[in-house]
N, C-alpha and C. Protein backbone atom coordinates (compact mmCIF):
# COMPACT_ATOMS: atom_id res chain seq x y z
N UNK A 1 38.03 -2.65 -33.15
CA UNK A 1 37.75 -3.15 -31.82
C UNK A 1 36.71 -2.29 -31.10
N UNK A 2 36.87 -0.99 -31.21
CA UNK A 2 35.97 -0.12 -30.49
C UNK A 2 34.53 -0.26 -30.99
N UNK A 3 34.34 -0.42 -32.29
CA UNK A 3 33.01 -0.57 -32.84
C UNK A 3 32.35 -1.84 -32.32
N UNK A 4 33.09 -2.94 -32.29
CA UNK A 4 32.55 -4.20 -31.78
C UNK A 4 32.12 -4.05 -30.33
N UNK A 5 32.96 -3.42 -29.53
CA UNK A 5 32.66 -3.25 -28.11
C UNK A 5 31.42 -2.37 -27.94
N UNK A 6 31.35 -1.31 -28.71
CA UNK A 6 30.21 -0.41 -28.64
C UNK A 6 28.92 -1.11 -29.06
N UNK A 7 28.97 -1.88 -30.15
CA UNK A 7 27.78 -2.60 -30.61
C UNK A 7 27.32 -3.63 -29.60
N UNK A 8 28.25 -4.35 -28.97
CA UNK A 8 27.86 -5.36 -27.99
C UNK A 8 27.21 -4.71 -26.78
N UNK A 9 27.68 -3.53 -26.39
CA UNK A 9 27.05 -2.82 -25.28
C UNK A 9 25.64 -2.38 -25.64
N UNK A 10 25.47 -1.90 -26.87
CA UNK A 10 24.13 -1.50 -27.30
C UNK A 10 23.17 -2.67 -27.31
N UNK A 11 23.62 -3.84 -27.77
CA UNK A 11 22.78 -5.03 -27.79
C UNK A 11 22.43 -5.47 -26.38
N UNK A 12 23.42 -5.41 -25.48
CA UNK A 12 23.17 -5.81 -24.10
C UNK A 12 22.18 -4.84 -23.45
N UNK A 13 22.33 -3.56 -23.70
CA UNK A 13 21.42 -2.57 -23.13
C UNK A 13 20.00 -2.77 -23.67
N UNK A 14 19.87 -3.03 -24.96
CA UNK A 14 18.57 -3.27 -25.57
C UNK A 14 17.90 -4.50 -24.95
N UNK A 15 18.67 -5.57 -24.77
CA UNK A 15 18.11 -6.79 -24.16
C UNK A 15 17.67 -6.52 -22.73
N UNK A 16 18.45 -5.73 -22.01
CA UNK A 16 18.09 -5.38 -20.63
C UNK A 16 16.78 -4.59 -20.60
N UNK A 17 16.65 -3.59 -21.46
CA UNK A 17 15.42 -2.79 -21.51
C UNK A 17 14.22 -3.65 -21.90
N UNK A 18 14.42 -4.57 -22.82
CA UNK A 18 13.33 -5.45 -23.25
C UNK A 18 12.87 -6.34 -22.11
N UNK A 19 13.82 -6.88 -21.35
CA UNK A 19 13.44 -7.75 -20.23
C UNK A 19 12.70 -6.96 -19.17
N UNK A 20 13.09 -5.72 -18.94
CA UNK A 20 12.39 -4.89 -17.97
C UNK A 20 10.96 -4.61 -18.45
N UNK A 21 10.80 -4.42 -19.74
CA UNK A 21 9.48 -4.16 -20.30
C UNK A 21 8.57 -5.37 -20.13
N UNK A 22 9.11 -6.57 -20.39
CA UNK A 22 8.31 -7.79 -20.22
C UNK A 22 7.93 -7.98 -18.76
N UNK A 23 8.87 -7.72 -17.86
CA UNK A 23 8.57 -7.85 -16.43
C UNK A 23 7.50 -6.87 -16.02
N UNK A 24 7.57 -5.65 -16.54
CA UNK A 24 6.56 -4.64 -16.24
C UNK A 24 5.20 -5.10 -16.71
N UNK A 25 5.13 -5.59 -17.95
CA UNK A 25 3.84 -6.05 -18.49
C UNK A 25 3.28 -7.20 -17.68
N UNK A 26 4.12 -8.14 -17.28
CA UNK A 26 3.65 -9.28 -16.49
C UNK A 26 3.13 -8.84 -15.13
N UNK A 27 3.86 -7.92 -14.49
CA UNK A 27 3.44 -7.48 -13.17
C UNK A 27 2.17 -6.65 -13.21
N UNK A 28 2.06 -5.75 -14.15
CA UNK A 28 0.85 -4.93 -14.21
C UNK A 28 -0.36 -5.81 -14.57
N UNK A 29 -0.14 -6.85 -15.36
CA UNK A 29 -1.23 -7.78 -15.69
C UNK A 29 -1.66 -8.56 -14.45
N UNK A 30 -0.70 -8.99 -13.63
CA UNK A 30 -1.03 -9.69 -12.38
C UNK A 30 -1.84 -8.79 -11.46
N UNK A 31 -1.43 -7.53 -11.33
CA UNK A 31 -2.13 -6.58 -10.46
C UNK A 31 -3.55 -6.35 -10.98
N UNK A 32 -3.68 -6.17 -12.27
CA UNK A 32 -4.99 -5.93 -12.88
C UNK A 32 -5.93 -7.13 -12.67
N UNK A 33 -5.41 -8.33 -12.86
CA UNK A 33 -6.23 -9.54 -12.67
C UNK A 33 -6.62 -9.72 -11.21
N UNK A 34 -5.70 -9.41 -10.29
CA UNK A 34 -6.00 -9.56 -8.87
C UNK A 34 -7.12 -8.63 -8.44
N UNK A 35 -7.11 -7.40 -8.93
CA UNK A 35 -8.19 -6.46 -8.61
C UNK A 35 -9.49 -6.85 -9.32
N UNK A 36 -9.43 -7.58 -10.41
CA UNK A 36 -10.63 -7.97 -11.15
C UNK A 36 -11.42 -9.05 -10.42
N UNK A 37 -10.73 -9.96 -9.75
CA UNK A 37 -11.39 -11.09 -9.07
C UNK A 37 -12.39 -10.59 -8.03
N UNK A 38 -11.94 -9.67 -7.19
CA UNK A 38 -12.81 -9.04 -6.19
C UNK A 38 -12.14 -7.74 -5.75
N UNK A 39 -12.90 -6.79 -5.23
CA UNK A 39 -12.29 -5.55 -4.75
C UNK A 39 -11.31 -5.83 -3.61
N UNK A 40 -10.12 -5.24 -3.71
CA UNK A 40 -9.07 -5.47 -2.72
C UNK A 40 -8.31 -4.18 -2.47
N UNK A 41 -7.59 -4.16 -1.35
CA UNK A 41 -6.69 -3.04 -1.09
C UNK A 41 -5.34 -3.33 -1.75
N UNK A 42 -4.53 -2.29 -1.86
CA UNK A 42 -3.22 -2.48 -2.47
C UNK A 42 -2.33 -3.38 -1.63
N UNK A 43 -2.50 -3.34 -0.31
CA UNK A 43 -1.71 -4.21 0.57
C UNK A 43 -2.06 -5.68 0.35
N UNK A 44 -3.33 -5.98 0.20
CA UNK A 44 -3.77 -7.37 -0.06
C UNK A 44 -3.21 -7.85 -1.39
N UNK A 45 -3.26 -7.01 -2.42
CA UNK A 45 -2.73 -7.39 -3.74
C UNK A 45 -1.23 -7.63 -3.66
N UNK A 46 -0.54 -6.78 -2.92
CA UNK A 46 0.91 -6.95 -2.76
C UNK A 46 1.23 -8.28 -2.08
N UNK A 47 0.49 -8.61 -1.04
CA UNK A 47 0.70 -9.88 -0.34
C UNK A 47 0.40 -11.08 -1.23
N UNK A 48 -0.70 -11.01 -1.98
CA UNK A 48 -1.12 -12.14 -2.82
C UNK A 48 -0.17 -12.38 -4.00
N UNK A 49 0.26 -11.30 -4.64
CA UNK A 49 1.05 -11.44 -5.86
C UNK A 49 2.55 -11.48 -5.60
N UNK A 50 2.99 -10.99 -4.45
CA UNK A 50 4.42 -10.96 -4.16
C UNK A 50 5.11 -9.77 -4.81
N UNK A 51 4.35 -8.83 -5.34
CA UNK A 51 4.90 -7.63 -5.96
C UNK A 51 5.06 -6.57 -4.88
N UNK A 52 6.17 -5.85 -4.90
CA UNK A 52 6.47 -4.84 -3.89
C UNK A 52 5.38 -3.77 -3.86
N UNK A 53 5.14 -3.23 -2.66
CA UNK A 53 4.09 -2.21 -2.50
C UNK A 53 4.34 -0.99 -3.39
N UNK A 54 5.59 -0.57 -3.50
CA UNK A 54 5.89 0.60 -4.32
C UNK A 54 5.49 0.36 -5.77
N UNK A 55 5.71 -0.87 -6.26
CA UNK A 55 5.33 -1.19 -7.63
C UNK A 55 3.81 -1.26 -7.78
N UNK A 56 3.13 -1.78 -6.78
CA UNK A 56 1.67 -1.84 -6.83
C UNK A 56 1.10 -0.43 -6.89
N UNK A 57 1.66 0.49 -6.08
CA UNK A 57 1.22 1.89 -6.13
C UNK A 57 1.43 2.48 -7.52
N UNK A 58 2.58 2.18 -8.12
CA UNK A 58 2.88 2.70 -9.45
C UNK A 58 1.89 2.16 -10.48
N UNK A 59 1.60 0.86 -10.41
CA UNK A 59 0.68 0.26 -11.38
C UNK A 59 -0.74 0.78 -11.19
N UNK A 60 -1.16 0.99 -9.94
CA UNK A 60 -2.49 1.54 -9.68
C UNK A 60 -2.58 2.96 -10.23
N UNK A 61 -1.52 3.71 -10.09
CA UNK A 61 -1.50 5.07 -10.64
C UNK A 61 -1.65 5.04 -12.16
N UNK A 62 -0.96 4.13 -12.81
CA UNK A 62 -1.06 4.00 -14.27
C UNK A 62 -2.48 3.59 -14.67
N UNK A 63 -3.07 2.65 -13.93
CA UNK A 63 -4.43 2.20 -14.23
C UNK A 63 -5.45 3.31 -13.98
N UNK A 64 -5.23 4.12 -12.95
CA UNK A 64 -6.15 5.24 -12.67
C UNK A 64 -6.10 6.27 -13.79
N UNK A 65 -4.90 6.56 -14.27
CA UNK A 65 -4.76 7.55 -15.33
C UNK A 65 -5.45 7.11 -16.62
N UNK A 66 -5.57 5.80 -16.82
CA UNK A 66 -6.24 5.30 -18.02
C UNK A 66 -7.67 4.84 -17.74
N UNK A 67 -8.21 5.19 -16.57
CA UNK A 67 -9.59 4.85 -16.18
C UNK A 67 -9.88 3.36 -16.24
N UNK A 68 -8.91 2.53 -15.86
CA UNK A 68 -9.11 1.09 -15.85
C UNK A 68 -9.33 0.55 -14.44
N UNK A 69 -9.28 1.39 -13.44
CA UNK A 69 -9.48 0.97 -12.06
C UNK A 69 -10.31 2.03 -11.35
N UNK A 70 -11.11 1.59 -10.38
CA UNK A 70 -11.97 2.53 -9.66
C UNK A 70 -12.08 2.10 -8.21
N UNK A 71 -12.50 3.03 -7.38
CA UNK A 71 -12.71 2.73 -5.97
C UNK A 71 -14.06 2.02 -5.84
N UNK A 72 -14.04 0.83 -5.26
CA UNK A 72 -15.26 0.06 -5.07
C UNK A 72 -15.93 0.41 -3.74
N UNK A 73 -15.11 0.54 -2.70
CA UNK A 73 -15.66 0.88 -1.38
C UNK A 73 -14.51 1.33 -0.48
N UNK A 74 -14.87 1.92 0.65
CA UNK A 74 -13.90 2.29 1.68
C UNK A 74 -14.31 1.54 2.93
N UNK A 75 -13.41 0.69 3.42
CA UNK A 75 -13.73 -0.20 4.53
C UNK A 75 -12.44 -0.55 5.26
N UNK A 76 -12.56 -1.29 6.35
CA UNK A 76 -11.37 -1.74 7.07
C UNK A 76 -10.66 -2.82 6.26
N UNK A 77 -9.34 -2.69 6.16
CA UNK A 77 -8.52 -3.68 5.45
C UNK A 77 -8.44 -4.94 6.30
N UNK A 78 -8.54 -6.09 5.64
CA UNK A 78 -8.48 -7.37 6.35
C UNK A 78 -7.10 -7.66 6.89
N UNK A 79 -6.08 -7.08 6.29
CA UNK A 79 -4.70 -7.34 6.70
C UNK A 79 -4.23 -6.32 7.74
N UNK A 80 -4.34 -5.03 7.41
CA UNK A 80 -3.81 -3.99 8.29
C UNK A 80 -4.79 -3.53 9.37
N UNK A 81 -6.07 -3.86 9.20
CA UNK A 81 -7.14 -3.45 10.12
C UNK A 81 -7.29 -1.93 10.19
N UNK A 82 -6.92 -1.25 9.11
CA UNK A 82 -7.07 0.20 9.02
C UNK A 82 -8.07 0.54 7.92
N UNK A 83 -8.59 1.75 8.00
CA UNK A 83 -9.52 2.20 6.98
C UNK A 83 -8.77 2.35 5.66
N UNK A 84 -9.23 1.66 4.62
CA UNK A 84 -8.54 1.63 3.33
C UNK A 84 -9.53 1.67 2.19
N UNK A 85 -9.03 1.99 1.01
CA UNK A 85 -9.86 1.97 -0.19
C UNK A 85 -9.72 0.62 -0.87
N UNK A 86 -10.84 0.03 -1.19
CA UNK A 86 -10.87 -1.21 -1.95
C UNK A 86 -11.05 -0.84 -3.41
N UNK A 87 -10.13 -1.29 -4.24
CA UNK A 87 -10.12 -0.96 -5.66
C UNK A 87 -10.55 -2.15 -6.49
N UNK A 88 -11.04 -1.88 -7.69
CA UNK A 88 -11.45 -2.94 -8.59
C UNK A 88 -11.18 -2.55 -10.04
N UNK A 89 -10.93 -3.56 -10.86
CA UNK A 89 -10.82 -3.34 -12.30
C UNK A 89 -12.02 -3.93 -13.03
N UNK A 90 -12.95 -4.51 -12.28
CA UNK A 90 -14.16 -5.08 -12.86
C UNK A 90 -15.16 -3.97 -13.15
N UNK A 91 -15.53 -3.76 -14.41
CA UNK A 91 -16.45 -2.67 -14.74
C UNK A 91 -17.81 -2.77 -14.05
N UNK A 92 -18.19 -3.94 -13.59
CA UNK A 92 -19.48 -4.09 -12.89
C UNK A 92 -19.49 -3.33 -11.57
N UNK A 93 -18.32 -3.10 -10.98
CA UNK A 93 -18.24 -2.39 -9.70
C UNK A 93 -17.90 -0.91 -9.87
N UNK A 94 -17.68 -0.44 -11.10
CA UNK A 94 -17.34 0.96 -11.33
C UNK A 94 -18.52 1.85 -10.98
N UNK A 95 -18.27 3.03 -10.46
CA UNK A 95 -19.37 3.99 -10.25
C UNK A 95 -19.98 4.39 -11.58
N UNK A 96 -21.20 4.83 -11.58
CA UNK A 96 -21.91 5.15 -12.81
C UNK A 96 -21.18 6.19 -13.64
N UNK A 97 -20.58 7.18 -13.01
CA UNK A 97 -19.92 8.25 -13.77
C UNK A 97 -18.76 7.70 -14.61
N UNK A 98 -18.00 6.75 -14.09
CA UNK A 98 -16.91 6.16 -14.86
C UNK A 98 -17.44 5.35 -16.03
N UNK A 99 -18.58 4.69 -15.86
CA UNK A 99 -19.15 3.90 -16.94
C UNK A 99 -19.58 4.82 -18.08
N UNK A 100 -20.15 5.94 -17.74
CA UNK A 100 -20.58 6.88 -18.77
C UNK A 100 -19.37 7.44 -19.51
N UNK A 101 -18.27 7.76 -18.79
CA UNK A 101 -17.06 8.26 -19.43
C UNK A 101 -16.49 7.23 -20.38
N UNK A 102 -16.49 5.95 -19.96
CA UNK A 102 -15.95 4.88 -20.80
C UNK A 102 -16.79 4.71 -22.07
N UNK A 103 -18.10 4.83 -21.94
CA UNK A 103 -18.97 4.71 -23.12
C UNK A 103 -18.76 5.87 -24.08
N UNK A 104 -18.57 7.07 -23.53
CA UNK A 104 -18.34 8.24 -24.39
C UNK A 104 -17.01 8.13 -25.12
N UNK A 105 -15.98 7.61 -24.45
CA UNK A 105 -14.67 7.47 -25.08
C UNK A 105 -14.67 6.39 -26.15
N UNK A 106 -15.52 5.39 -26.02
CA UNK A 106 -15.56 4.29 -26.96
C UNK A 106 -16.27 4.63 -28.27
N UNK A 107 -17.12 5.65 -28.25
CA UNK A 107 -17.89 6.02 -29.44
C UNK A 107 -17.10 6.80 -30.44
C-alpha cells in the first residue's frame, strides 16, 4: 500500500511540475512576442497580455540575462504617464553594441 501511495504522489508531483513548465513557456513566449511587435513598457505588456507584473519582471530579467531584450528608448509611459523604459525583442531596435555581441556569440 505504501509503495502505491508514494508512486501516485510522485506522478502527481511530476504532472504538476510539467504543467507549471508549460505555463511558464507560454507566458514567456507571450511576453517576448508582445515586445517584438513594438517597443513597450512592462506595464503595457502586463495590461495587454493579462500576465501579472511580477511575472513580467521575472521574464524580462530572464530575457536580459540571455541578451534577447534591449532598451529601445526612455520616454513617458502611455498608461502610467511616468518616465519609463521601452523594451524590445526586435533585433532591428537593439543598440549596435548588442548586435555586435550577438554576432560574436553566433560565430
